[in-house]
Amino acid sequence: MLKPRLDSVQNHTSRIVRFSPEKTETPILPNHAEAWQRTCRRLRAEVGEDVFSSWFGRLELDEILDDTARLSVPTKFLKSWIQSHYTDRIVAALASEVPSVTMLSIAVRTSGRVAPTRSPDVPAPMRLDENTSRSPSFSSQPPLLFRRDNDPAPRETRHLEAEALGGSPLDRRLTFSSFLVGRSNQLAHAAAQRVAQAPATEAPLYNPLYLHASVGLGKTHLIQAVAHCAGETGRRVIYLTAEKFMYGFVSALKAQTAIAFKEKLRAIDVLVIDDVQFLQGKSIQQEFCHTLNALIDAGRQVVIAADRPPSDLESLDERVRSRLAGGLCVEMGSLDEALRVKILETRIAAARVSQPTFEVPPAVVSLVAMSIQTNGRDLDGAVNRLLAHVTLTGSPLTVETAEIAIRDLVRTREPKRVKIEDIQKLVATHFNVSRADILSSRRTATVVRPRQIAMYLAKILTLRSLPEIGRRFGGRDHTTVLHAVRKIEGLANKDGQLSEELELLKRMLMD
């Protein structure tokens, strides 16, 4: 006799009802585990290593029941974020391996959750990070630095506390020895090595060390290399993504261990924070600022990575930006052609270990290096496509076949990102005034018109808000900026010479 069981599965607002025999948790079938492993590789290729590690690193497949895949994560924050941003992508990737899957259910694992019953020959659920050699996160194996003995707190409180104090996982492959150096990242590499190898008794020379670069240029690789190297010298190191720092602080507040969280964080020797541009929330930013001040004032090393310089982190408090800008800020530029060739040759050599027949002619390497100029991840994707062509078709690579294989990775050149500082300098030079004049409170006609033109160009050539533009122009109110924009627009419609002058300035800034 079958007894109905009601399973409520939530995918945003959808609910479904299941009727199945009364039983324990459904085990993961071997074919499902293999499909999940392939799904992991597909997601890693689609979203990139950084995003994959940050958001999918602890996502597990619990079961696939009819058309629904049931996944689990260790925190409510991860559940909410994945449901809001990646549900459709995960469903699409998993459906390509298991066509019956059309819905997704995400649950939060607890420390007391009982694992599903499995027979000895059935593999455990495949984790998204199972194929990478990563250090375990604190929630699975707490580091000695933060272990608590004889803790009388309830299990749920201890679970929250553990997650609050834990670091993000490190990838053992991301070390200095595997980092490829070129003209664009030579300074950043040298500074990172100096910081990582400094004796524990020596006061930090560059503090904080702030590295910024666009996506896929190696900043995460470099700061994880710092964490690895500094840890090998005996110093206490913790590596955190901005998301992990935010969740850790919130978890500490819920567990009523905020003081312990602060004390433990301030007790380390090297703090490494990645993707600081994602740091949100007034109280969290205040705690981050206090932590920075405490560590730097105590002579502890801080290493920060972001996708833009401190002055462009508009979501962060002014005090935080000022503190970050007070250290050594190094930009990691676009990969030059020689470095792109070096990256390609390294990836090809690594692929040849498992596929000895994989040969890429020098002309193809040169073609790929010239065609793909965006970031290192696209170069990885190009090698994967070339490898697929060789292994699946069995035909040798030529320039023509390589062009076809990588055409989806060849992107048109992105427009140059214009900075407000560049606008101010160009306008000042063009109108024979100083940048200090434009930022000053002077109201003479020789200064007001260039200032209004600079504000107008900042509004149409950047994504900055009116209040932010006003702040960059000597702390002016947003209404002043709006008046300047409307004033210049009106004059340009009537004055052909001014209109031509504005177009000239635009071209000079965009070239």
Foldseek 3Di string as FASTA:
>chain_A
DADFDFDFFDQPNDTDGDGDHDDFFDQAAQLNQVLVQQLLVVVCLVPHDVVCQPQQQAKWFQYDDQQETEIEGADPVSVVVCSVPPQVVSQVSSCVSVVRHDYYGYYHDAPPDDRTDDDPVGDHIDGSCPVFDKDDKQLVPNDPLPDDPPDPDDRRLVSLQSLLQIFRIFGPCLALVNDFDDPLCPVVLVLLVCQLPDQLVDFDPFAAEEEAAAPFAQPSSSLSNSQVSNVVNVFFEGEHELVSNVSSCVSCVVSVNNVVNLVSLLPGQEYEYEANLPNADDVSLVSVLVSSVSNNVVRGYYYYYHHDQLLPSVRHDPSVSVNRVPGHYGYRYWDDLVSQLVLLVVLQVVVCVVVVVQDDDPVLSSVVSVQAGGHSSLSNVLSVQSVCCCVVVVDDDDNVVSCVSSVVRRDDDDWDQFDLVVLLCVLCVVLVHHSVLLLDPDDDPSNVLSNLLSLLCCVPRHPDDLQSSCCVSNRHHSVVSVVSNVVLVVVVVVDVVSVVVSVVSVVVRRD
